[in-house]
Protein backbone atom coordinates (compact mmCIF):
# COMPACT_ATOMS: atom_id res chain seq x y z
CA MET A 1 -0.05 0.04 -0.06
CA ILE A 2 1.00 3.24 -0.81
CA VAL A 3 -0.11 6.59 1.03
CA ARG A 4 -0.33 9.81 -0.09
CA LYS A 5 -1.13 13.36 0.74
CA ILE A 6 -4.28 15.53 -1.28
CA GLY A 7 -2.67 18.53 -1.25
CA LYS A 8 -4.50 22.16 -0.60
CA HIS A 9 -6.22 22.32 -4.23
CA GLY A 10 -6.71 18.26 -4.48
CA GLU A 11 -4.02 17.25 -6.26
CA ILE A 12 -2.34 13.70 -5.71
CA VAL A 13 0.18 12.35 -7.29
CA ILE A 14 -0.53 9.23 -8.60
CA PRO A 15 2.91 6.53 -7.95
CA LYS A 16 4.84 6.05 -11.47
CA ASN A 17 4.33 2.31 -10.69
CA ILE A 18 0.74 2.25 -10.29
CA LEU A 19 -0.06 4.68 -13.47
CA GLU A 20 2.24 2.05 -16.06
CA LEU A 21 0.43 -0.76 -14.46
CA ALA A 22 -2.93 0.68 -15.52
CA SER A 23 -0.99 1.68 -18.57
CA ILE A 24 -2.24 5.66 -17.64
CA LYS A 25 0.19 7.89 -19.36
CA SER A 26 0.65 12.39 -19.20
CA GLY A 27 -2.04 13.80 -21.65
CA ASP A 28 -4.55 11.05 -21.24
CA ALA A 29 -8.04 11.18 -20.33
CA VAL A 30 -9.18 10.04 -17.28
CA LYS A 31 -12.93 9.27 -15.68
CA PHE A 32 -13.40 9.95 -11.18
CA SER A 33 -16.33 7.78 -9.78
CA LEU A 34 -16.96 6.54 -6.60
CA THR A 35 -18.04 3.19 -5.51
CA ASP A 36 -18.06 1.95 -2.28
CA ASN A 37 -16.33 4.57 -0.50
CA ARG A 38 -13.59 4.46 -2.76
CA ILE A 39 -12.15 6.43 -5.46
CA VAL A 40 -12.19 5.15 -8.66
CA ILE A 41 -10.00 6.92 -11.36
CA GLU A 42 -10.27 4.92 -14.79
CA LYS A 43 -8.55 5.66 -18.26
CA VAL A 44 -10.93 7.16 -20.78
CA LYS A 45 -10.27 4.70 -23.80
CA THR A 46 -12.10 6.44 -26.59
CA LEU A 47 -13.06 9.28 -28.24
CA ASN A 48 -16.63 8.80 -28.14
CA GLU A 49 -16.96 8.03 -24.37
CA ILE A 50 -14.10 11.46 -23.74
CA HIS A 51 -16.63 13.49 -25.77
CA ASN A 52 -19.36 11.71 -23.72
CA VAL A 53 -17.63 13.22 -20.01
CA GLN A 54 -17.58 16.59 -21.69
CA LYS A 55 -20.86 16.43 -22.58
CA ILE A 56 -21.91 15.77 -19.01
CA GLN A 57 -19.06 18.16 -17.32
CA GLU A 58 -20.45 21.15 -19.84
CA LYS A 59 -24.24 20.49 -18.53
CA SER A 60 -23.12 20.46 -14.93
CA MET A 61 -21.25 24.12 -15.40
CA VAL A 62 -24.34 25.24 -17.05
CA ALA A 63 -26.40 24.12 -14.34
CA LEU A 64 -24.52 25.71 -11.29
CA LEU A 65 -24.19 28.67 -13.34
CA MET A 66 -27.57 29.04 -13.47
CA ARG A 67 -28.70 28.88 -10.00
CA GLY A 68 -29.77 32.60 -9.33
CA ARG A 69 -26.97 33.35 -11.06
CA PRO A 70 -27.09 35.34 -14.81
CA PHE A 71 -25.82 33.73 -17.50
CA ASP A 72 -22.41 34.37 -18.88
CA ALA A 73 -21.06 32.72 -22.28
CA ASP A 74 -17.54 34.70 -21.63
CA LEU A 75 -17.14 32.56 -18.06
CA ILE A 76 -18.29 29.29 -19.94
CA THR A 77 -16.07 29.93 -22.89
CA THR A 78 -12.98 30.30 -20.04
CA LEU A 79 -14.02 27.66 -18.22
CA ARG A 80 -14.39 25.42 -21.00
CA ASN A 81 -10.33 25.99 -22.47
CA GLU A 82 -9.26 25.76 -18.96
CA TRP A 83 -10.62 21.80 -19.27
CA GLU A 84 -9.33 21.39 -22.42
C-alpha cells in the first residue's frame, strides 16, 4: 500500500508504478467515480467516451451557473478552455 497526501487544491501524485500498471501516461484522459466509499480512477479509452464526459461536464457547469446567477457565456468559454 502506498500513502499520499492530498494537496490544498485537491491534487495528488499517482505513483509511477501504478500509472504504468494501468497503462496511463501523461496527457491521457481519466474519469473519476465513487464506488462503495472508494474513489475509482479509470482511463478513458475512446474518443466517444471522452466526448460524453465533456458533455456531462458542460451540463453540470451550466446548471451551476444558472443557480440564481446570470448566464455568462464568456465565463463558460473560459472554463471550457481551462478543461482542455
